[in-house]
Amino acid sequence: MATDSLFKVLPREAKDGTTGTVNISFDGKALRVPQGVSVAAALLAAGIERFRTTPVSGAARAPYCMMGVCFECLVEIDGVANRQSCLVPVAEGMAVRSQLGMRELNDLVTSAGGARDER
């Protein structure tokens, strides 16, 4: 659910005098966000309030520390789950999805570069 955000991106010009933006999607909704910011900052500025849910209670979570310490900003980015959105810069065409609940161990091993158990 998008609402008016308390977060505002300060306007800035690129070296060529333009103000750059990129197109991304969040849970299937198209967003135009400033380039050069983190996914978390872009989503907060767009009014996104829930990035993920907790595995136990399903409570909504959003970024807290914005520096990669708390893991509250976990999302799926371009099909890869468990990404810290505060550490990933936005890119044109990026598809971001809420991370809901718990992930399977095989997904964790695969995203860490290990072998996937195909039993």
PDB file of N, CA and C in Angstrom:
ATOM      1  N   MET A   1       0.844  -1.179   0.000  1.00  0.00           N
ATOM      2  CA  MET A   1       0.000   0.000   0.000  1.00  0.00           C
ATOM      3  C   MET A   1       0.885   1.237   0.000  1.00  0.00           C
ATOM      4  N   ALA A   2       0.760   2.074  -0.975  1.00  0.00           N
ATOM      5  CA  ALA A   2       1.557   3.288  -1.070  1.00  0.00           C
ATOM      6  C   ALA A   2       0.786   4.465  -0.478  1.00  0.00           C
ATOM      7  N   THR A   3       1.466   5.256   0.308  1.00  0.00           N
ATOM      8  CA  THR A   3       0.876   6.454   0.893  1.00  0.00           C
ATOM      9  C   THR A   3       1.864   7.594   0.725  1.00  0.00           C
ATOM     10  N   ASP A   4       1.477   8.787   1.161  1.00  0.00           N
ATOM     11  CA  ASP A   4       2.427   9.892   1.126  1.00  0.00           C
ATOM     12  C   ASP A   4       3.570   9.576   2.070  1.00  0.00           C
ATOM     13  N   SER A   5       4.775   9.661   1.561  1.00  0.00           N
ATOM     14  CA  SER A   5       5.943   9.282   2.338  1.00  0.00           C
ATOM     15  C   SER A   5       6.498  10.461   3.118  1.00  0.00           C
ATOM     16  N   LEU A   6       7.050  10.158   4.281  1.00  0.00           N
ATOM     17  CA  LEU A   6       7.784  11.168   5.034  1.00  0.00           C
ATOM     18  C   LEU A   6       9.187  11.345   4.475  1.00  0.00           C
ATOM     19  N   PHE A   7       9.607  10.416   3.613  1.00  0.00           N
ATOM     20  CA  PHE A   7      10.923  10.466   3.014  1.00  0.00           C
ATOM     21  C   PHE A   7      10.844  11.199   1.690  1.00  0.00           C
ATOM     22  N   LYS A   8      11.694  12.176   1.495  1.00  0.00           N
ATOM     23  CA  LYS A   8      11.739  12.927   0.246  1.00  0.00           C
ATOM     24  C   LYS A   8      13.157  12.865  -0.304  1.00  0.00           C
ATOM     25  N   VAL A   9      13.249  12.596  -1.593  1.00  0.00           N
ATOM     26  CA  VAL A   9      14.545  12.574  -2.249  1.00  0.00           C
ATOM     27  C   VAL A   9      14.869  13.995  -2.666  1.00  0.00           C
ATOM     28  N   LEU A  10      16.027  14.477  -2.245  1.00  0.00           N
ATOM     29  CA  LEU A  10      16.432  15.825  -2.615  1.00  0.00           C
ATOM     30  C   LEU A  10      16.791  15.866  -4.091  1.00  0.00           C
ATOM     31  N   PRO A  11      16.320  16.878  -4.805  1.00  0.00           N
ATOM     32  CA  PRO A  11      16.649  16.952  -6.234  1.00  0.00           C
ATOM     33  C   PRO A  11      18.148  17.174  -6.414  1.00  0.00           C
ATOM     34  N   ARG A  12      18.705  16.489  -7.397  1.00  0.00           N
ATOM     35  CA  ARG A  12      20.117  16.681  -7.685  1.00  0.00           C
ATOM     36  C   ARG A  12      20.317  16.491  -9.172  1.00  0.00           C
ATOM     37  N   GLU A  13      21.281  17.170  -9.679  1.00  0.00           N
ATOM     38  CA  GLU A  13      21.551  17.084 -11.107  1.00  0.00           C
ATOM     39  C   GLU A  13      22.768  16.217 -11.365  1.00  0.00           C
ATOM     40  N   ALA A  14      22.687  15.449 -12.442  1.00  0.00           N
ATOM     41  CA  ALA A  14      23.840  14.674 -12.884  1.00  0.00           C
ATOM     42  C   ALA A  14      24.838  15.629 -13.524  1.00  0.00           C
ATOM     43  N   LYS A  15      26.018  15.142 -13.809  1.00  0.00           N
ATOM     44  CA  LYS A  15      27.062  15.980 -14.419  1.00  0.00           C
ATOM     45  C   LYS A  15      26.618  16.587 -15.742  1.00  0.00           C
ATOM     46  N   ASP A  16      25.712  15.885 -16.441  1.00  0.00           N
ATOM     47  CA  ASP A  16      25.244  16.409 -17.726  1.00  0.00           C
ATOM     48  C   ASP A  16      24.062  17.362 -17.565  1.00  0.00           C
ATOM     49  N   GLY A  17      23.689  17.699 -16.313  1.00  0.00           N
ATOM     50  CA  GLY A  17      22.622  18.661 -16.063  1.00  0.00           C
ATOM     51  C   GLY A  17      21.232  18.053 -15.988  1.00  0.00           C
ATOM     52  N   THR A  18      21.109  16.745 -16.160  1.00  0.00           N
ATOM     53  CA  THR A  18      19.800  16.108 -16.094  1.00  0.00           C
ATOM     54  C   THR A  18      19.562  15.542 -14.702  1.00  0.00           C
ATOM     55  N   THR A  19      18.302  15.353 -14.387  1.00  0.00           N
ATOM     56  CA  THR A  19      17.962  14.661 -13.142  1.00  0.00           C
ATOM     57  C   THR A  19      17.517  13.275 -13.544  1.00  0.00           C
ATOM     58  N   GLY A  20      18.317  12.275 -13.212  1.00  0.00           N
ATOM     59  CA  GLY A  20      18.065  10.925 -13.681  1.00  0.00           C
ATOM     60  C   GLY A  20      17.075  10.161 -12.838  1.00  0.00           C
ATOM     61  N   THR A  21      16.250   9.398 -13.517  1.00  0.00           N
ATOM     62  CA  THR A  21      15.348   8.479 -12.853  1.00  0.00           C
ATOM     63  C   THR A  21      15.419   7.145 -13.581  1.00  0.00           C
ATOM     64  N   VAL A  22      14.971   6.105 -12.906  1.00  0.00           N
ATOM     65  CA  VAL A  22      14.898   4.778 -13.510  1.00  0.00           C
ATOM     66  C   VAL A  22      13.522   4.196 -13.234  1.00  0.00           C
ATOM     67  N   ASN A  23      13.131   3.249 -14.048  1.00  0.00           N
ATOM     68  CA  ASN A  23      11.858   2.544 -13.868  1.00  0.00           C
ATOM     69  C   ASN A  23      12.127   1.217 -13.183  1.00  0.00           C
ATOM     70  N   ILE A  24      11.410   0.971 -12.088  1.00  0.00           N
ATOM     71  CA  ILE A  24      11.474  -0.310 -11.401  1.00  0.00           C
ATOM     72  C   ILE A  24      10.043  -0.748 -11.122  1.00  0.00           C
ATOM     73  N   SER A  25       9.881  -1.954 -10.624  1.00  0.00           N
ATOM     74  CA  SER A  25       8.552  -2.370 -10.176  1.00  0.00           C
ATOM     75  C   SER A  25       8.664  -2.926  -8.761  1.00  0.00           C
ATOM     76  N   PHE A  26       7.593  -2.741  -7.999  1.00  0.00           N
ATOM     77  CA  PHE A  26       7.516  -3.312  -6.661  1.00  0.00           C
ATOM     78  C   PHE A  26       6.198  -4.055  -6.554  1.00  0.00           C
ATOM     79  N   ASP A  27       6.277  -5.356  -6.351  1.00  0.00           N
ATOM     80  CA  ASP A  27       5.101  -6.219  -6.301  1.00  0.00           C
ATOM     81  C   ASP A  27       4.196  -5.992  -7.513  1.00  0.00           C
ATOM     82  N   GLY A  28       4.820  -5.803  -8.669  1.00  0.00           N
ATOM     83  CA  GLY A  28       4.098  -5.644  -9.921  1.00  0.00           C
ATOM     84  C   GLY A  28       3.664  -4.228 -10.246  1.00  0.00           C
ATOM     85  N   LYS A  29       3.837  -3.302  -9.326  1.00  0.00           N
ATOM     86  CA  LYS A  29       3.449  -1.907  -9.554  1.00  0.00           C
ATOM     87  C   LYS A  29       4.642  -1.132 -10.104  1.00  0.00           C
ATOM     88  N   ALA A  30       4.439  -0.447 -11.225  1.00  0.00           N
ATOM     89  CA  ALA A  30       5.512   0.339 -11.841  1.00  0.00           C
ATOM     90  C   ALA A  30       5.798   1.593 -11.016  1.00  0.00           C
ATOM     91  N   LEU A  31       7.084   1.857 -10.801  1.00  0.00           N
ATOM     92  CA  LEU A  31       7.522   3.053 -10.075  1.00  0.00           C
ATOM     93  C   LEU A  31       8.634   3.733 -10.857  1.00  0.00           C
ATOM     94  N   ARG A  32       8.646   5.052 -10.843  1.00  0.00           N
ATOM     95  CA  ARG A  32       9.754   5.822 -11.409  1.00  0.00           C
ATOM     96  C   ARG A  32      10.472   6.438 -10.216  1.00  0.00           C
ATOM     97  N   VAL A  33      11.743   6.077 -10.040  1.00  0.00           N
ATOM     98  CA  VAL A  33      12.488   6.475  -8.842  1.00  0.00           C
ATOM     99  C   VAL A  33      13.810   7.128  -9.246  1.00  0.00           C
ATOM    100  N   PRO A  34      14.404   7.895  -8.351  1.00  0.00           N
ATOM    101  CA  PRO A  34      15.686   8.536  -8.669  1.00  0.00           C
ATOM    102  C   PRO A  34      16.791   7.502  -8.840  1.00  0.00           C
ATOM    103  N   GLN A  35      17.656   7.719  -9.807  1.00  0.00           N
ATOM    104  CA  GLN A  35      18.802   6.824  -9.944  1.00  0.00           C
ATOM    105  C   GLN A  35      19.849   7.213  -8.915  1.00  0.00           C
ATOM    106  N   GLY A  36      20.719   6.272  -8.600  1.00  0.00           N
ATOM    107  CA  GLY A  36      21.812   6.545  -7.674  1.00  0.00           C
ATOM    108  C   GLY A  36      21.453   6.410  -6.209  1.00  0.00           C
ATOM    109  N   VAL A  37      20.249   5.921  -5.897  1.00  0.00           N
ATOM    110  CA  VAL A  37      19.873   5.707  -4.501  1.00  0.00           C
ATOM    111  C   VAL A  37      19.696   4.210  -4.277  1.00  0.00           C
ATOM    112  N   SER A  38      19.612   3.808  -3.030  1.00  0.00           N
ATOM    113  CA  SER A  38      19.392   2.394  -2.729  1.00  0.00           C
ATOM    114  C   SER A  38      17.944   2.026  -3.022  1.00  0.00           C
ATOM    115  N   VAL A  39      17.706   0.741  -3.183  1.00  0.00           N
ATOM    116  CA  VAL A  39      16.337   0.254  -3.388  1.00  0.00           C
ATOM    117  C   VAL A  39      15.469   0.668  -2.202  1.00  0.00           C
ATOM    118  N   ALA A  40      15.979   0.531  -0.990  1.00  0.00           N
ATOM    119  CA  ALA A  40      15.209   0.900   0.202  1.00  0.00           C
ATOM    120  C   ALA A  40      14.830   2.374   0.180  1.00  0.00           C
ATOM    121  N   ALA A  41      15.774   3.255  -0.122  1.00  0.00           N
ATOM    122  CA  ALA A  41      15.494   4.694  -0.161  1.00  0.00           C
ATOM    123  C   ALA A  41      14.469   5.013  -1.245  1.00  0.00           C
ATOM    124  N   ALA A  42      14.591   4.369  -2.391  1.00  0.00           N
ATOM    125  CA  ALA A  42      13.658   4.611  -3.493  1.00  0.00           C
ATOM    126  C   ALA A  42      12.244   4.172  -3.111  1.00  0.00           C
ATOM    127  N   LEU A  43      12.119   2.993  -2.491  1.00  0.00           N
ATOM    128  CA  LEU A  43      10.798   2.494  -2.108  1.00  0.00           C
ATOM    129  C   LEU A  43      10.173   3.347  -1.011  1.00  0.00           C
ATOM    130  N   LEU A  44      10.972   3.756  -0.037  1.00  0.00           N
ATOM    131  CA  LEU A  44      10.446   4.619   1.022  1.00  0.00           C
ATOM    132  C   LEU A  44       9.960   5.945   0.450  1.00  0.00           C
ATOM    133  N   ALA A  45      10.732   6.535  -0.460  1.00  0.00           N
ATOM    134  CA  ALA A  45      10.337   7.801  -1.073  1.00  0.00           C
ATOM    135  C   ALA A  45       9.077   7.640  -1.914  1.00  0.00           C
ATOM    136  N   ALA A  46       8.845   6.433  -2.439  1.00  0.00           N
ATOM    137  CA  ALA A  46       7.647   6.159  -3.240  1.00  0.00           C
ATOM    138  C   ALA A  46       6.428   5.845  -2.362  1.00  0.00           C
ATOM    139  N   GLY A  47       6.618   5.833  -1.040  1.00  0.00           N
ATOM    140  CA  GLY A  47       5.509   5.615  -0.128  1.00  0.00           C
ATOM    141  C   GLY A  47       5.267   4.164   0.256  1.00  0.00           C
ATOM    142  N   ILE A  48       6.197   3.281  -0.075  1.00  0.00           N
ATOM    143  CA  ILE A  48       6.049   1.869   0.289  1.00  0.00           C
ATOM    144  C   ILE A  48       6.326   1.728   1.782  1.00  0.00           C
ATOM    145  N   GLU A  49       5.400   1.100   2.496  1.00  0.00           N
ATOM    146  CA  GLU A  49       5.529   0.972   3.948  1.00  0.00           C
ATOM    147  C   GLU A  49       5.886  -0.428   4.417  1.00  0.00           C
ATOM    148  N   ARG A  50       5.615  -1.466   3.601  1.00  0.00           N
ATOM    149  CA  ARG A  50       5.901  -2.838   4.017  1.00  0.00           C
ATOM    150  C   ARG A  50       6.803  -3.492   2.985  1.00  0.00           C
ATOM    151  N   PHE A  51       7.998  -3.892   3.436  1.00  0.00           N
ATOM    152  CA  PHE A  51       8.960  -4.544   2.551  1.00  0.00           C
ATOM    153  C   PHE A  51       8.893  -6.058   2.676  1.00  0.00           C
ATOM    154  N   ARG A  52       8.618  -6.547   3.879  1.00  0.00           N
ATOM    155  CA  ARG A  52       8.607  -7.987   4.121  1.00  0.00           C
ATOM    156  C   ARG A  52       7.682  -8.290   5.282  1.00  0.00           C
ATOM    157  N   THR A  53       7.468  -9.593   5.524  1.00  0.00           N
ATOM    158  CA  THR A  53       6.732 -10.024   6.711  1.00  0.00           C
ATOM    159  C   THR A  53       7.620 -10.983   7.493  1.00  0.00           C
ATOM    160  N   THR A  54       7.357 -11.059   8.784  1.00  0.00           N
ATOM    161  CA  THR A  54       8.136 -11.965   9.625  1.00  0.00           C
ATOM    162  C   THR A  54       7.660 -13.395   9.438  1.00  0.00           C
ATOM    163  N   PRO A  55       8.581 -14.372   9.574  1.00  0.00           N
ATOM    164  CA  PRO A  55       8.200 -15.774   9.393  1.00  0.00           C
ATOM    165  C   PRO A  55       7.233 -16.295  10.453  1.00  0.00           C
ATOM    166  N   VAL A  56       7.293 -15.798  11.667  1.00  0.00           N
ATOM    167  CA  VAL A  56       6.493 -16.358  12.752  1.00  0.00           C
ATOM    168  C   VAL A  56       5.090 -15.746  12.809  1.00  0.00           C
ATOM    169  N   SER A  57       5.006 -14.420  12.922  1.00  0.00           N
ATOM    170  CA  SER A  57       3.698 -13.785  13.118  1.00  0.00           C
ATOM    171  C   SER A  57       3.121 -13.158  11.854  1.00  0.00           C
ATOM    172  N   GLY A  58       3.951 -12.974  10.829  1.00  0.00           N
ATOM    173  CA  GLY A  58       3.479 -12.318   9.613  1.00  0.00           C
ATOM    174  C   GLY A  58       3.411 -10.807   9.741  1.00  0.00           C
ATOM    175  N   ALA A  59       4.035 -10.264  10.795  1.00  0.00           N
ATOM    176  CA  ALA A  59       4.026  -8.819  10.998  1.00  0.00           C
ATOM    177  C   ALA A  59       4.805  -8.107   9.896  1.00  0.00           C
ATOM    178  N   ALA A  60       4.335  -6.933   9.542  1.00  0.00           N
ATOM    179  CA  ALA A  60       4.989  -6.139   8.494  1.00  0.00           C
ATOM    180  C   ALA A  60       6.304  -5.548   9.000  1.00  0.00           C
ATOM    181  N   ARG A  61       7.275  -5.478   8.113  1.00  0.00           N
ATOM    182  CA  ARG A  61       8.576  -4.897   8.428  1.00  0.00           C
ATOM    183  C   ARG A  61       9.000  -3.954   7.314  1.00  0.00           C
ATOM    184  N   ALA A  62       9.783  -2.957   7.681  1.00  0.00           N
ATOM    185  CA  ALA A  62      10.348  -1.986   6.737  1.00  0.00           C
ATOM    186  C   ALA A  62      11.753  -1.629   7.206  1.00  0.00           C
ATOM    187  N   PRO A  63      12.536  -0.932   6.397  1.00  0.00           N
ATOM    188  CA  PRO A  63      13.911  -0.597   6.793  1.00  0.00           C
ATOM    189  C   PRO A  63      13.966   0.130   8.130  1.00  0.00           C
ATOM    190  N   TYR A  64      15.026  -0.152   8.848  1.00  0.00           N
ATOM    191  CA  TYR A  64      15.225   0.466  10.155  1.00  0.00           C
ATOM    192  C   TYR A  64      16.557   1.212  10.193  1.00  0.00           C
ATOM    193  N   CYS A  65      17.656   0.510   9.945  1.00  0.00           N
ATOM    194  CA  CYS A  65      18.968   1.132  10.113  1.00  0.00           C
ATOM    195  C   CYS A  65      19.500   1.784   8.839  1.00  0.00           C
ATOM    196  N   MET A  66      19.092   1.300   7.681  1.00  0.00           N
ATOM    197  CA  MET A  66      19.521   1.799   6.370  1.00  0.00           C
ATOM    198  C   MET A  66      21.028   1.683   6.140  1.00  0.00           C
ATOM    199  N   MET A  67      21.687   0.751   6.858  1.00  0.00           N
ATOM    200  CA  MET A  67      23.120   0.554   6.635  1.00  0.00           C
ATOM    201  C   MET A  67      23.537  -0.911   6.692  1.00  0.00           C
ATOM    202  N   GLY A  68      22.591  -1.823   6.544  1.00  0.00           N
ATOM    203  CA  GLY A  68      22.914  -3.231   6.414  1.00  0.00           C
ATOM    204  C   GLY A  68      23.120  -4.010   7.683  1.00  0.00           C
ATOM    205  N   VAL A  69      22.689  -3.479   8.824  1.00  0.00           N
ATOM    206  CA  VAL A  69      22.906  -4.154  10.092  1.00  0.00           C
ATOM    207  C   VAL A  69      21.673  -4.925  10.573  1.00  0.00           C
ATOM    208  N   CYS A  70      20.484  -4.380  10.360  1.00  0.00           N
ATOM    209  CA  CYS A  70      19.293  -4.945  11.014  1.00  0.00           C
ATOM    210  C   CYS A  70      18.530  -5.998  10.212  1.00  0.00           C
ATOM    211  N   PHE A  71      18.690  -6.068   8.914  1.00  0.00           N
ATOM    212  CA  PHE A  71      18.015  -7.041   8.042  1.00  0.00           C
ATOM    213  C   PHE A  71      16.497  -6.877   7.990  1.00  0.00           C
ATOM    214  N   GLU A  72      15.971  -5.741   8.361  1.00  0.00           N
ATOM    215  CA  GLU A  72      14.532  -5.501   8.286  1.00  0.00           C
ATOM    216  C   GLU A  72      14.087  -5.155   6.866  1.00  0.00           C
ATOM    217  N   CYS A  73      15.002  -4.834   5.980  1.00  0.00           N
ATOM    218  CA  CYS A  73      14.669  -4.376   4.631  1.00  0.00           C
ATOM    219  C   CYS A  73      14.763  -5.480   3.579  1.00  0.00           C
ATOM    220  N   LEU A  74      14.749  -6.741   3.998  1.00  0.00           N
ATOM    221  CA  LEU A  74      14.916  -7.839   3.047  1.00  0.00           C
ATOM    222  C   LEU A  74      13.783  -7.880   2.027  1.00  0.00           C
ATOM    223  N   VAL A  75      14.152  -8.016   0.758  1.00  0.00           N
ATOM    224  CA  VAL A  75      13.210  -8.134  -0.347  1.00  0.00           C
ATOM    225  C   VAL A  75      13.765  -9.120  -1.367  1.00  0.00           C
ATOM    226  N   GLU A  76      12.947  -9.438  -2.338  1.00  0.00           N
ATOM    227  CA  GLU A  76      13.403 -10.222  -3.485  1.00  0.00           C
ATOM    228  C   GLU A  76      13.683  -9.246  -4.617  1.00  0.00           C
ATOM    229  N   ILE A  77      14.883  -9.322  -5.181  1.00  0.00           N
ATOM    230  CA  ILE A  77      15.267  -8.435  -6.277  1.00  0.00           C
ATOM    231  C   ILE A  77      15.643  -9.289  -7.477  1.00  0.00           C
ATOM    232  N   ASP A  78      14.932  -9.077  -8.572  1.00  0.00           N
ATOM    233  CA  ASP A  78      15.159  -9.812  -9.820  1.00  0.00           C
ATOM    234  C   ASP A  78      15.231 -11.321  -9.578  1.00  0.00           C
ATOM    235  N   GLY A  79      14.309 -11.820  -8.760  1.00  0.00           N
ATOM    236  CA  GLY A  79      14.202 -13.253  -8.512  1.00  0.00           C
ATOM    237  C   GLY A  79      15.116 -13.799  -7.438  1.00  0.00           C
ATOM    238  N   VAL A  80      15.949 -12.969  -6.840  1.00  0.00           N
ATOM    239  CA  VAL A  80      16.861 -13.413  -5.782  1.00  0.00           C
ATOM    240  C   VAL A  80      16.338 -12.896  -4.445  1.00  0.00           C
ATOM    241  N   ALA A  81      15.928 -13.813  -3.591  1.00  0.00           N
ATOM    242  CA  ALA A  81      15.356 -13.440  -2.295  1.00  0.00           C
ATOM    243  C   ALA A  81      16.443 -13.090  -1.280  1.00  0.00           C
ATOM    244  N   ASN A  82      16.011 -12.527  -0.176  1.00  0.00           N
ATOM    245  CA  ASN A  82      16.882 -12.228   0.963  1.00  0.00           C
ATOM    246  C   ASN A  82      17.917 -11.154   0.678  1.00  0.00           C
ATOM    247  N   ARG A  83      17.604 -10.205  -0.208  1.00  0.00           N
ATOM    248  CA  ARG A  83      18.526  -9.113  -0.514  1.00  0.00           C
ATOM    249  C   ARG A  83      18.263  -7.944   0.420  1.00  0.00           C
ATOM    250  N   GLN A  84      19.311  -7.355   0.945  1.00  0.00           N
ATOM    251  CA  GLN A  84      19.179  -6.180   1.801  1.00  0.00           C
ATOM    252  C   GLN A  84      19.002  -4.967   0.887  1.00  0.00           C
ATOM    253  N   SER A  85      17.790  -4.453   0.839  1.00  0.00           N
ATOM    254  CA  SER A  85      17.482  -3.379  -0.103  1.00  0.00           C
ATOM    255  C   SER A  85      18.214  -2.077   0.203  1.00  0.00           C
ATOM    256  N   CYS A  86      18.671  -1.913   1.409  1.00  0.00           N
ATOM    257  CA  CYS A  86      19.407  -0.685   1.743  1.00  0.00           C
ATOM    258  C   CYS A  86      20.826  -0.689   1.177  1.00  0.00           C
ATOM    259  N   LEU A  87      21.307  -1.859   0.733  1.00  0.00           N
ATOM    260  CA  LEU A  87      22.675  -1.965   0.217  1.00  0.00           C
ATOM    261  C   LEU A  87      22.739  -2.119  -1.297  1.00  0.00           C
ATOM    262  N   VAL A  88      21.581  -2.204  -1.965  1.00  0.00           N
ATOM    263  CA  VAL A  88      21.547  -2.451  -3.404  1.00  0.00           C
ATOM    264  C   VAL A  88      21.091  -1.188  -4.121  1.00  0.00           C
ATOM    265  N   PRO A  89      21.897  -0.649  -5.044  1.00  0.00           N
ATOM    266  CA  PRO A  89      21.449   0.532  -5.799  1.00  0.00           C
ATOM    267  C   PRO A  89      20.375   0.162  -6.814  1.00  0.00           C
ATOM    268  N   VAL A  90      19.436   1.075  -7.050  1.00  0.00           N
ATOM    269  CA  VAL A  90      18.393   0.811  -8.041  1.00  0.00           C
ATOM    270  C   VAL A  90      19.009   0.757  -9.433  1.00  0.00           C
ATOM    271  N   ALA A  91      18.371  -0.014 -10.303  1.00  0.00           N
ATOM    272  CA  ALA A  91      18.807  -0.129 -11.690  1.00  0.00           C
ATOM    273  C   ALA A  91      17.574  -0.182 -12.585  1.00  0.00           C
ATOM    274  N   GLU A  92      17.713   0.303 -13.783  1.00  0.00           N
ATOM    275  CA  GLU A  92      16.620   0.315 -14.752  1.00  0.00           C
ATOM    276  C   GLU A  92      16.038  -1.083 -14.925  1.00  0.00           C
ATOM    277  N   GLY A  93      14.711  -1.175 -14.835  1.00  0.00           N
ATOM    278  CA  GLY A  93      14.021  -2.428 -15.069  1.00  0.00           C
ATOM    279  C   GLY A  93      14.030  -3.410 -13.914  1.00  0.00           C
ATOM    280  N   MET A  94      14.571  -3.031 -12.783  1.00  0.00           N
ATOM    281  CA  MET A  94      14.663  -3.917 -11.625  1.00  0.00           C
ATOM    282  C   MET A  94      13.264  -4.321 -11.149  1.00  0.00           C
ATOM    283  N   ALA A  95      13.095  -5.601 -10.863  1.00  0.00           N
ATOM    284  CA  ALA A  95      11.826  -6.107 -10.331  1.00  0.00           C
ATOM    285  C   ALA A  95      12.028  -6.455  -8.865  1.00  0.00           C
ATOM    286  N   VAL A  96      11.337  -5.742  -7.996  1.00  0.00           N
ATOM    287  CA  VAL A  96      11.455  -5.931  -6.553  1.00  0.00           C
ATOM    288  C   VAL A  96      10.133  -6.472  -6.039  1.00  0.00           C
ATOM    289  N   ARG A  97      10.220  -7.461  -5.154  1.00  0.00           N
ATOM    290  CA  ARG A  97       9.017  -8.052  -4.569  1.00  0.00           C
ATOM    291  C   ARG A  97       9.166  -8.136  -3.060  1.00  0.00           C
ATOM    292  N   SER A  98       8.032  -8.045  -2.376  1.00  0.00           N
ATOM    293  CA  SER A  98       8.023  -8.252  -0.930  1.00  0.00           C
ATOM    294  C   SER A  98       8.520  -9.651  -0.632  1.00  0.00           C
ATOM    295  N   GLN A  99       9.209  -9.770   0.471  1.00  0.00           N
ATOM    296  CA  GLN A  99       9.614 -11.101   0.927  1.00  0.00           C
ATOM    297  C   GLN A  99       8.625 -11.509   2.006  1.00  0.00           C
ATOM    298  N   LEU A 100       7.903 -12.584   1.749  1.00  0.00           N
ATOM    299  CA  LEU A 100       6.849 -13.007   2.660  1.00  0.00           C
ATOM    300  C   LEU A 100       7.243 -14.281   3.384  1.00  0.00           C
ATOM    301  N   GLY A 101       7.269 -14.204   4.695  1.00  0.00           N
ATOM    302  CA  GLY A 101       7.528 -15.383   5.506  1.00  0.00           C
ATOM    303  C   GLY A 101       8.919 -15.958   5.359  1.00  0.00           C
ATOM    304  N   MET A 102       8.988 -17.253   5.563  1.00  0.00           N
ATOM    305  CA  MET A 102      10.258 -17.964   5.625  1.00  0.00           C
ATOM    306  C   MET A 102      10.662 -18.518   4.263  1.00  0.00           C
ATOM    307  N   ARG A 103      11.960 -18.612   4.021  1.00  0.00           N
ATOM    308  CA  ARG A 103      12.479 -19.193   2.791  1.00  0.00           C
ATOM    309  C   ARG A 103      12.945 -20.605   3.031  1.00  0.00           C
ATOM    310  N   GLU A 104      13.028 -21.382   1.963  1.00  0.00           N
ATOM    311  CA  GLU A 104      13.532 -22.741   2.066  1.00  0.00           C
ATOM    312  C   GLU A 104      15.051 -22.720   2.130  1.00  0.00           C
ATOM    313  N   LEU A 105      15.633 -23.673   2.840  1.00  0.00           N
ATOM    314  CA  LEU A 105      17.076 -23.762   2.981  1.00  0.00           C
ATOM    315  C   LEU A 105      17.762 -23.882   1.628  1.00  0.00           C
ATOM    316  N   ASN A 106      17.179 -24.634   0.692  1.00  0.00           N
ATOM    317  CA  ASN A 106      17.798 -24.777  -0.625  1.00  0.00           C
ATOM    318  C   ASN A 106      17.983 -23.431  -1.306  1.00  0.00           C
ATOM    319  N   ASP A 107      17.033 -22.522  -1.147  1.00  0.00           N
ATOM    320  CA  ASP A 107      17.162 -21.193  -1.729  1.00  0.00           C
ATOM    321  C   ASP A 107      18.316 -20.437  -1.102  1.00  0.00           C
ATOM    322  N   LEU A 108      18.506 -20.595   0.211  1.00  0.00           N
ATOM    323  CA  LEU A 108      19.609 -19.924   0.892  1.00  0.00           C
ATOM    324  C   LEU A 108      20.953 -20.430   0.393  1.00  0.00           C
ATOM    325  N   VAL A 109      21.084 -21.730   0.225  1.00  0.00           N
ATOM    326  CA  VAL A 109      22.336 -22.326  -0.244  1.00  0.00           C
ATOM    327  C   VAL A 109      22.626 -21.881  -1.667  1.00  0.00           C
ATOM    328  N   THR A 110      21.615 -21.888  -2.532  1.00  0.00           N
ATOM    329  CA  THR A 110      21.800 -21.500  -3.926  1.00  0.00           C
ATOM    330  C   THR A 110      22.214 -20.039  -4.041  1.00  0.00           C
ATOM    331  N   SER A 111      21.552 -19.136  -3.310  1.00  0.00           N
ATOM    332  CA  SER A 111      21.884 -17.715  -3.412  1.00  0.00           C
ATOM    333  C   SER A 111      23.260 -17.414  -2.819  1.00  0.00           C
ATOM    334  N   ALA A 112      23.767 -18.309  -1.957  1.00  0.00           N
ATOM    335  CA  ALA A 112      25.088 -18.116  -1.383  1.00  0.00           C
ATOM    336  C   ALA A 112      26.165 -18.722  -2.280  1.00  0.00           C
ATOM    337  N   GLY A 113      25.765 -19.324  -3.406  1.00  0.00           N
ATOM    338  CA  GLY A 113      26.733 -19.866  -4.341  1.00  0.00           C
ATOM    339  C   GLY A 113      27.010 -21.332  -4.151  1.00  0.00           C
ATOM    340  N   GLY A 114      26.290 -22.001  -3.263  1.00  0.00           N
ATOM    341  CA  GLY A 114      26.497 -23.425  -3.026  1.00  0.00           C
ATOM    342  C   GLY A 114      25.677 -24.274  -3.983  1.00  0.00           C
ATOM    343  N   ALA A 115      25.859 -25.556  -3.849  1.00  0.00           N
ATOM    344  CA  ALA A 115      25.119 -26.488  -4.702  1.00  0.00           C
ATOM    345  C   ALA A 115      23.702 -26.648  -4.174  1.00  0.00           C
ATOM    346  N   ARG A 116      22.768 -26.851  -5.057  1.00  0.00           N
ATOM    347  CA  ARG A 116      21.380 -27.058  -4.673  1.00  0.00           C
ATOM    348  C   ARG A 116      21.080 -28.552  -4.603  1.00  0.00           C
ATOM    349  N   ASP A 117      20.450 -28.952  -3.516  1.00  0.00           N
ATOM    350  CA  ASP A 117      20.070 -30.344  -3.333  1.00  0.00           C
ATOM    351  C   ASP A 117      18.759 -30.579  -4.089  1.00  0.00           C
ATOM    352  N   GLU A 118      18.763 -31.443  -5.104  1.00  0.00           N
ATOM    353  CA  GLU A 118      17.600 -31.659  -5.958  1.00  0.00           C
ATOM    354  C   GLU A 118      16.801 -32.906  -5.593  1.00  0.00           C
ATOM    355  N   ARG A 119      16.839 -33.345  -4.351  1.00  0.00           N
ATOM    356  CA  ARG A 119      16.076 -34.529  -3.938  1.00  0.00           C
ATOM    357  C   ARG A 119      14.618 -34.395  -4.171  1.00  0.00           C
TER     358      ARG A 119
END
